[in-house]
Amino acid sequence: MGVVMPKTLLLVDDDADFLEALEGFLTQRGFRVLTATGTREGLKTAREEKPDLMVLDVNMGQGQEDGYAFCAKLKQDDETFDTPVIFLSGNTEAGDMLRGYYAGAHEYLTKPVDRENLLRHLRKFLGA
């Protein structure tokens, strides 16, 4: 029997405390978790590490493109176009969610997130 490699997640959010808490939760559940505090770092990490799934915030720090533009860029990039994307955002209006889906996201979840619900969605898209 071969060794099963953990699924790799890339979390992109400008809130370092939120990233740290979510990283700890997901690592404890067997995922390999990479983090980026902005879209420039996120794109570099996505291209280099080829994560199995990405979780993106919409609102990024000053000088960064927002999550919608970042997701659209990922979907146009030969290295990342087929990587599933889940938005995890404090933007809760229906129009925000539609923008997420139009940008290419597979799912749009809102903060504060129910961690078990997030796990269900991750497993759904990863087949884990």
N, C-alpha and C. Protein backbone atom coordinates (compact mmCIF):
# COMPACT_ATOMS: atom_id res chain seq x y z
N MET A 1 0.83 -1.19 0.00
CA MET A 1 0.00 0.00 0.00
C MET A 1 0.87 1.24 0.00
N GLY A 2 0.52 2.23 -0.84
CA GLY A 2 1.28 3.46 -0.91
C GLY A 2 0.91 4.42 0.20
N VAL A 3 1.77 5.38 0.38
CA VAL A 3 1.53 6.42 1.37
C VAL A 3 0.56 7.44 0.78
N VAL A 4 -0.46 7.80 1.52
CA VAL A 4 -1.41 8.80 1.08
C VAL A 4 -0.89 10.18 1.47
N MET A 5 -0.69 11.01 0.47
CA MET A 5 -0.20 12.36 0.73
C MET A 5 -1.36 13.25 1.13
N PRO A 6 -1.15 14.13 2.09
CA PRO A 6 -2.25 15.03 2.48
C PRO A 6 -2.57 16.01 1.36
N LYS A 7 -3.82 16.41 1.27
CA LYS A 7 -4.23 17.42 0.30
C LYS A 7 -3.67 18.77 0.74
N THR A 8 -3.23 19.55 -0.24
CA THR A 8 -2.64 20.85 0.03
C THR A 8 -3.66 21.95 -0.22
N LEU A 9 -3.82 22.82 0.78
CA LEU A 9 -4.71 23.97 0.69
C LEU A 9 -3.88 25.24 0.71
N LEU A 10 -4.29 26.22 -0.06
CA LEU A 10 -3.70 27.55 0.01
C LEU A 10 -4.76 28.51 0.50
N LEU A 11 -4.50 29.15 1.63
CA LEU A 11 -5.40 30.14 2.21
C LEU A 11 -4.84 31.53 1.92
N VAL A 12 -5.64 32.41 1.32
CA VAL A 12 -5.20 33.77 1.00
C VAL A 12 -6.16 34.75 1.68
N ASP A 13 -5.63 35.48 2.66
CA ASP A 13 -6.43 36.42 3.43
C ASP A 13 -5.47 37.45 4.03
N ASP A 14 -5.87 38.71 4.10
CA ASP A 14 -4.97 39.72 4.64
C ASP A 14 -5.00 39.77 6.17
N ASP A 15 -5.83 38.97 6.80
CA ASP A 15 -5.92 38.91 8.26
C ASP A 15 -5.04 37.76 8.77
N ALA A 16 -3.85 38.11 9.23
CA ALA A 16 -2.87 37.09 9.66
C ALA A 16 -3.39 36.25 10.82
N ASP A 17 -4.12 36.85 11.75
CA ASP A 17 -4.66 36.10 12.89
C ASP A 17 -5.68 35.07 12.43
N PHE A 18 -6.54 35.47 11.50
CA PHE A 18 -7.53 34.54 10.95
C PHE A 18 -6.82 33.39 10.22
N LEU A 19 -5.81 33.73 9.43
CA LEU A 19 -5.05 32.69 8.72
C LEU A 19 -4.43 31.69 9.69
N GLU A 20 -3.83 32.20 10.75
CA GLU A 20 -3.17 31.33 11.72
C GLU A 20 -4.18 30.39 12.39
N ALA A 21 -5.33 30.91 12.78
CA ALA A 21 -6.34 30.08 13.43
C ALA A 21 -6.88 29.01 12.48
N LEU A 22 -7.17 29.41 11.24
CA LEU A 22 -7.71 28.45 10.27
C LEU A 22 -6.65 27.43 9.87
N GLU A 23 -5.41 27.88 9.74
CA GLU A 23 -4.31 26.96 9.42
C GLU A 23 -4.18 25.88 10.49
N GLY A 24 -4.23 26.28 11.75
CA GLY A 24 -4.14 25.31 12.84
C GLY A 24 -5.27 24.30 12.81
N PHE A 25 -6.49 24.79 12.61
CA PHE A 25 -7.67 23.92 12.55
C PHE A 25 -7.55 22.90 11.42
N LEU A 26 -7.16 23.37 10.24
CA LEU A 26 -7.09 22.48 9.07
C LEU A 26 -5.90 21.54 9.13
N THR A 27 -4.79 21.99 9.68
CA THR A 27 -3.62 21.12 9.84
C THR A 27 -3.95 19.96 10.77
N GLN A 28 -4.67 20.25 11.84
CA GLN A 28 -5.08 19.21 12.79
C GLN A 28 -5.99 18.17 12.13
N ARG A 29 -6.61 18.53 11.03
CA ARG A 29 -7.50 17.61 10.33
C ARG A 29 -6.83 16.94 9.14
N GLY A 30 -5.52 17.04 9.08
CA GLY A 30 -4.77 16.26 8.10
C GLY A 30 -4.42 16.95 6.80
N PHE A 31 -4.71 18.23 6.68
CA PHE A 31 -4.36 18.95 5.46
C PHE A 31 -2.97 19.56 5.58
N ARG A 32 -2.32 19.71 4.45
CA ARG A 32 -1.10 20.52 4.35
C ARG A 32 -1.58 21.91 4.01
N VAL A 33 -1.27 22.90 4.84
CA VAL A 33 -1.83 24.23 4.66
C VAL A 33 -0.73 25.24 4.38
N LEU A 34 -0.90 25.97 3.29
CA LEU A 34 -0.03 27.08 2.92
C LEU A 34 -0.84 28.36 3.09
N THR A 35 -0.17 29.44 3.46
CA THR A 35 -0.90 30.70 3.62
C THR A 35 -0.20 31.82 2.87
N ALA A 36 -1.00 32.81 2.51
CA ALA A 36 -0.49 34.03 1.88
C ALA A 36 -1.35 35.19 2.38
N THR A 37 -0.69 36.30 2.72
CA THR A 37 -1.42 37.45 3.25
C THR A 37 -1.79 38.47 2.18
N GLY A 38 -1.66 38.10 0.94
CA GLY A 38 -2.06 38.98 -0.16
C GLY A 38 -2.08 38.23 -1.47
N THR A 39 -2.62 38.88 -2.48
CA THR A 39 -2.79 38.21 -3.76
C THR A 39 -1.48 38.01 -4.52
N ARG A 40 -0.54 38.95 -4.39
CA ARG A 40 0.75 38.76 -5.08
C ARG A 40 1.47 37.52 -4.54
N GLU A 41 1.52 37.43 -3.21
CA GLU A 41 2.13 36.26 -2.58
C GLU A 41 1.32 35.01 -2.90
N GLY A 42 0.00 35.14 -2.94
CA GLY A 42 -0.87 34.00 -3.24
C GLY A 42 -0.64 33.44 -4.63
N LEU A 43 -0.48 34.32 -5.62
CA LEU A 43 -0.25 33.86 -6.99
C LEU A 43 1.09 33.14 -7.10
N LYS A 44 2.11 33.70 -6.48
CA LYS A 44 3.44 33.08 -6.50
C LYS A 44 3.38 31.69 -5.86
N THR A 45 2.73 31.60 -4.70
CA THR A 45 2.62 30.32 -3.99
C THR A 45 1.79 29.32 -4.80
N ALA A 46 0.71 29.78 -5.39
CA ALA A 46 -0.14 28.89 -6.18
C ALA A 46 0.62 28.29 -7.36
N ARG A 47 1.40 29.12 -8.03
CA ARG A 47 2.17 28.63 -9.19
C ARG A 47 3.28 27.67 -8.77
N GLU A 48 3.93 27.96 -7.65
CA GLU A 48 5.05 27.13 -7.21
C GLU A 48 4.60 25.82 -6.55
N GLU A 49 3.56 25.89 -5.73
CA GLU A 49 3.16 24.75 -4.91
C GLU A 49 2.04 23.91 -5.50
N LYS A 50 1.29 24.46 -6.43
CA LYS A 50 0.17 23.76 -7.07
C LYS A 50 -0.78 23.13 -6.03
N PRO A 51 -1.42 23.95 -5.20
CA PRO A 51 -2.32 23.41 -4.18
C PRO A 51 -3.50 22.68 -4.81
N ASP A 52 -4.10 21.80 -4.03
CA ASP A 52 -5.27 21.06 -4.49
C ASP A 52 -6.53 21.91 -4.46
N LEU A 53 -6.53 22.94 -3.61
CA LEU A 53 -7.69 23.83 -3.47
C LEU A 53 -7.22 25.13 -2.85
N MET A 54 -7.90 26.24 -3.22
CA MET A 54 -7.57 27.54 -2.64
C MET A 54 -8.79 28.12 -1.95
N VAL A 55 -8.56 28.74 -0.80
CA VAL A 55 -9.59 29.45 -0.06
C VAL A 55 -9.19 30.92 -0.05
N LEU A 56 -10.05 31.78 -0.61
CA LEU A 56 -9.72 33.19 -0.79
C LEU A 56 -10.69 34.10 -0.05
N ASP A 57 -10.15 35.17 0.51
CA ASP A 57 -10.96 36.27 1.01
C ASP A 57 -11.22 37.21 -0.17
N VAL A 58 -12.23 38.05 -0.07
CA VAL A 58 -12.49 39.04 -1.11
C VAL A 58 -11.67 40.30 -0.86
N ASN A 59 -11.76 40.83 0.35
CA ASN A 59 -11.10 42.10 0.66
C ASN A 59 -9.66 41.85 1.07
N MET A 60 -8.75 42.44 0.32
CA MET A 60 -7.32 42.29 0.61
C MET A 60 -6.77 43.64 1.05
N GLY A 61 -5.54 43.63 1.51
CA GLY A 61 -4.91 44.85 1.99
C GLY A 61 -4.73 45.88 0.91
N GLN A 62 -4.43 47.09 1.34
CA GLN A 62 -4.24 48.21 0.42
C GLN A 62 -3.15 47.87 -0.59
N GLY A 63 -3.41 48.21 -1.84
CA GLY A 63 -2.44 47.97 -2.90
C GLY A 63 -2.53 46.58 -3.50
N GLN A 64 -3.43 45.76 -3.00
CA GLN A 64 -3.61 44.40 -3.53
C GLN A 64 -4.91 44.35 -4.34
N GLU A 65 -4.93 43.54 -5.38
CA GLU A 65 -6.19 43.36 -6.08
C GLU A 65 -7.14 42.59 -5.16
N ASP A 66 -8.44 42.76 -5.37
CA ASP A 66 -9.39 42.05 -4.52
C ASP A 66 -9.47 40.58 -4.93
N GLY A 67 -10.15 39.81 -4.11
CA GLY A 67 -10.25 38.37 -4.36
C GLY A 67 -10.94 38.01 -5.66
N TYR A 68 -11.92 38.84 -6.07
CA TYR A 68 -12.61 38.56 -7.33
C TYR A 68 -11.64 38.63 -8.50
N ALA A 69 -10.86 39.72 -8.56
CA ALA A 69 -9.88 39.89 -9.65
C ALA A 69 -8.82 38.79 -9.57
N PHE A 70 -8.42 38.45 -8.36
CA PHE A 70 -7.42 37.40 -8.17
C PHE A 70 -7.94 36.06 -8.66
N CYS A 71 -9.18 35.73 -8.32
CA CYS A 71 -9.77 34.47 -8.76
C CYS A 71 -9.86 34.42 -10.29
N ALA A 72 -10.30 35.52 -10.89
CA ALA A 72 -10.38 35.57 -12.35
C ALA A 72 -9.01 35.36 -12.98
N LYS A 73 -7.98 35.95 -12.37
CA LYS A 73 -6.62 35.77 -12.87
C LYS A 73 -6.19 34.31 -12.75
N LEU A 74 -6.52 33.67 -11.63
CA LEU A 74 -6.18 32.25 -11.44
C LEU A 74 -6.83 31.38 -12.52
N LYS A 75 -8.07 31.71 -12.88
CA LYS A 75 -8.81 30.92 -13.85
C LYS A 75 -8.31 31.13 -15.28
N GLN A 76 -7.52 32.18 -15.50
CA GLN A 76 -6.95 32.45 -16.82
C GLN A 76 -5.51 32.00 -16.93
N ASP A 77 -4.94 31.51 -15.85
CA ASP A 77 -3.54 31.13 -15.79
C ASP A 77 -3.40 29.63 -16.07
N ASP A 78 -2.51 29.27 -16.97
CA ASP A 78 -2.32 27.86 -17.33
C ASP A 78 -1.92 26.99 -16.13
N GLU A 79 -1.26 27.58 -15.15
CA GLU A 79 -0.79 26.82 -13.99
C GLU A 79 -1.87 26.57 -12.95
N THR A 80 -2.92 27.41 -12.94
CA THR A 80 -3.88 27.37 -11.83
C THR A 80 -5.35 27.30 -12.24
N PHE A 81 -5.63 27.27 -13.54
CA PHE A 81 -7.02 27.39 -13.99
C PHE A 81 -7.96 26.30 -13.47
N ASP A 82 -7.42 25.11 -13.23
CA ASP A 82 -8.30 24.01 -12.83
C ASP A 82 -8.32 23.75 -11.31
N THR A 83 -7.67 24.62 -10.54
CA THR A 83 -7.66 24.47 -9.09
C THR A 83 -8.98 25.00 -8.52
N PRO A 84 -9.70 24.18 -7.75
CA PRO A 84 -10.95 24.68 -7.14
C PRO A 84 -10.69 25.85 -6.20
N VAL A 85 -11.61 26.80 -6.21
CA VAL A 85 -11.53 27.99 -5.36
C VAL A 85 -12.80 28.11 -4.54
N ILE A 86 -12.61 28.33 -3.24
CA ILE A 86 -13.72 28.64 -2.34
C ILE A 86 -13.47 30.03 -1.78
N PHE A 87 -14.44 30.92 -1.95
CA PHE A 87 -14.35 32.21 -1.28
C PHE A 87 -14.83 32.05 0.15
N LEU A 88 -14.13 32.72 1.06
CA LEU A 88 -14.51 32.77 2.46
C LEU A 88 -14.41 34.24 2.84
N SER A 89 -15.56 34.92 2.89
CA SER A 89 -15.55 36.38 2.97
C SER A 89 -16.59 36.92 3.95
N GLY A 90 -16.31 38.11 4.44
CA GLY A 90 -17.28 38.84 5.24
C GLY A 90 -18.30 39.57 4.39
N ASN A 91 -18.10 39.60 3.08
CA ASN A 91 -19.07 40.20 2.16
C ASN A 91 -20.21 39.21 1.97
N THR A 92 -21.39 39.57 2.47
CA THR A 92 -22.48 38.59 2.56
C THR A 92 -23.68 38.88 1.67
N GLU A 93 -23.61 39.92 0.86
CA GLU A 93 -24.74 40.23 -0.01
C GLU A 93 -24.79 39.25 -1.19
N ALA A 94 -25.99 39.04 -1.71
CA ALA A 94 -26.16 38.12 -2.84
C ALA A 94 -25.30 38.54 -4.03
N GLY A 95 -25.20 39.85 -4.26
CA GLY A 95 -24.37 40.34 -5.37
C GLY A 95 -22.90 40.00 -5.19
N ASP A 96 -22.44 40.01 -3.94
CA ASP A 96 -21.05 39.63 -3.67
C ASP A 96 -20.83 38.17 -4.04
N MET A 97 -21.78 37.35 -3.64
CA MET A 97 -21.67 35.92 -3.94
C MET A 97 -21.69 35.67 -5.44
N LEU A 98 -22.57 36.35 -6.14
CA LEU A 98 -22.62 36.20 -7.60
C LEU A 98 -21.30 36.61 -8.24
N ARG A 99 -20.72 37.71 -7.78
CA ARG A 99 -19.42 38.13 -8.31
C ARG A 99 -18.38 37.04 -8.10
N GLY A 100 -18.43 36.36 -6.95
CA GLY A 100 -17.51 35.27 -6.69
C GLY A 100 -17.66 34.13 -7.68
N TYR A 101 -18.91 33.75 -7.93
CA TYR A 101 -19.14 32.66 -8.89
C TYR A 101 -18.76 33.09 -10.31
N TYR A 102 -19.07 34.32 -10.67
CA TYR A 102 -18.69 34.82 -12.00
C TYR A 102 -17.18 34.86 -12.18
N ALA A 103 -16.47 35.10 -11.09
CA ALA A 103 -15.00 35.14 -11.15
C ALA A 103 -14.41 33.75 -11.31
N GLY A 104 -15.21 32.71 -11.06
CA GLY A 104 -14.74 31.34 -11.25
C GLY A 104 -14.70 30.48 -10.02
N ALA A 105 -15.22 30.99 -8.90
CA ALA A 105 -15.21 30.21 -7.66
C ALA A 105 -16.17 29.02 -7.74
N HIS A 106 -15.81 27.97 -7.03
CA HIS A 106 -16.66 26.79 -6.95
C HIS A 106 -17.68 26.91 -5.83
N GLU A 107 -17.35 27.74 -4.82
CA GLU A 107 -18.23 27.92 -3.67
C GLU A 107 -17.94 29.28 -3.05
N TYR A 108 -18.95 29.83 -2.36
CA TYR A 108 -18.81 31.11 -1.67
C TYR A 108 -19.40 30.95 -0.28
N LEU A 109 -18.55 30.98 0.73
CA LEU A 109 -18.96 30.87 2.12
C LEU A 109 -18.71 32.20 2.81
N THR A 110 -19.46 32.46 3.89
CA THR A 110 -19.32 33.74 4.56
C THR A 110 -18.74 33.59 5.96
N LYS A 111 -18.09 34.67 6.41
CA LYS A 111 -17.56 34.75 7.76
C LYS A 111 -18.62 35.37 8.65
N PRO A 112 -18.68 35.02 9.90
CA PRO A 112 -17.83 34.00 10.52
C PRO A 112 -18.21 32.63 9.98
N VAL A 113 -17.21 31.78 9.79
CA VAL A 113 -17.44 30.49 9.15
C VAL A 113 -17.68 29.42 10.21
N ASP A 114 -18.61 28.55 9.92
CA ASP A 114 -18.79 27.34 10.70
C ASP A 114 -17.71 26.38 10.19
N ARG A 115 -16.75 26.07 11.03
CA ARG A 115 -15.59 25.28 10.59
C ARG A 115 -15.97 23.90 10.08
N GLU A 116 -16.96 23.28 10.68
CA GLU A 116 -17.38 21.95 10.21
C GLU A 116 -18.01 22.04 8.83
N ASN A 117 -18.75 23.14 8.58
CA ASN A 117 -19.33 23.36 7.25
C ASN A 117 -18.22 23.58 6.23
N LEU A 118 -17.20 24.34 6.60
CA LEU A 118 -16.06 24.53 5.71
C LEU A 118 -15.40 23.20 5.40
N LEU A 119 -15.21 22.37 6.41
CA LEU A 119 -14.61 21.04 6.20
C LEU A 119 -15.43 20.22 5.21
N ARG A 120 -16.75 20.25 5.36
CA ARG A 120 -17.61 19.50 4.43
C ARG A 120 -17.40 19.96 2.99
N HIS A 121 -17.30 21.28 2.78
CA HIS A 121 -17.08 21.80 1.44
C HIS A 121 -15.69 21.43 0.90
N LEU A 122 -14.69 21.53 1.75
CA LEU A 122 -13.34 21.14 1.32
C LEU A 122 -13.32 19.69 0.87
N ARG A 123 -13.90 18.84 1.69
CA ARG A 123 -13.91 17.40 1.37
C ARG A 123 -14.71 17.12 0.10
N LYS A 124 -15.79 17.86 -0.10
CA LYS A 124 -16.60 17.68 -1.31
C LYS A 124 -15.77 17.94 -2.56
N PHE A 125 -15.02 19.03 -2.56
CA PHE A 125 -14.25 19.39 -3.75
C PHE A 125 -12.94 18.59 -3.88
N LEU A 126 -12.45 18.07 -2.78
CA LEU A 126 -11.20 17.31 -2.81
C LEU A 126 -11.42 15.81 -2.88
N GLY A 127 -12.65 15.38 -2.69
CA GLY A 127 -12.92 13.95 -2.68
C GLY A 127 -12.25 13.28 -1.48
N ALA A 128 -12.06 14.03 -0.40
CA ALA A 128 -11.36 13.51 0.78
C ALA A 128 -12.34 13.16 1.88
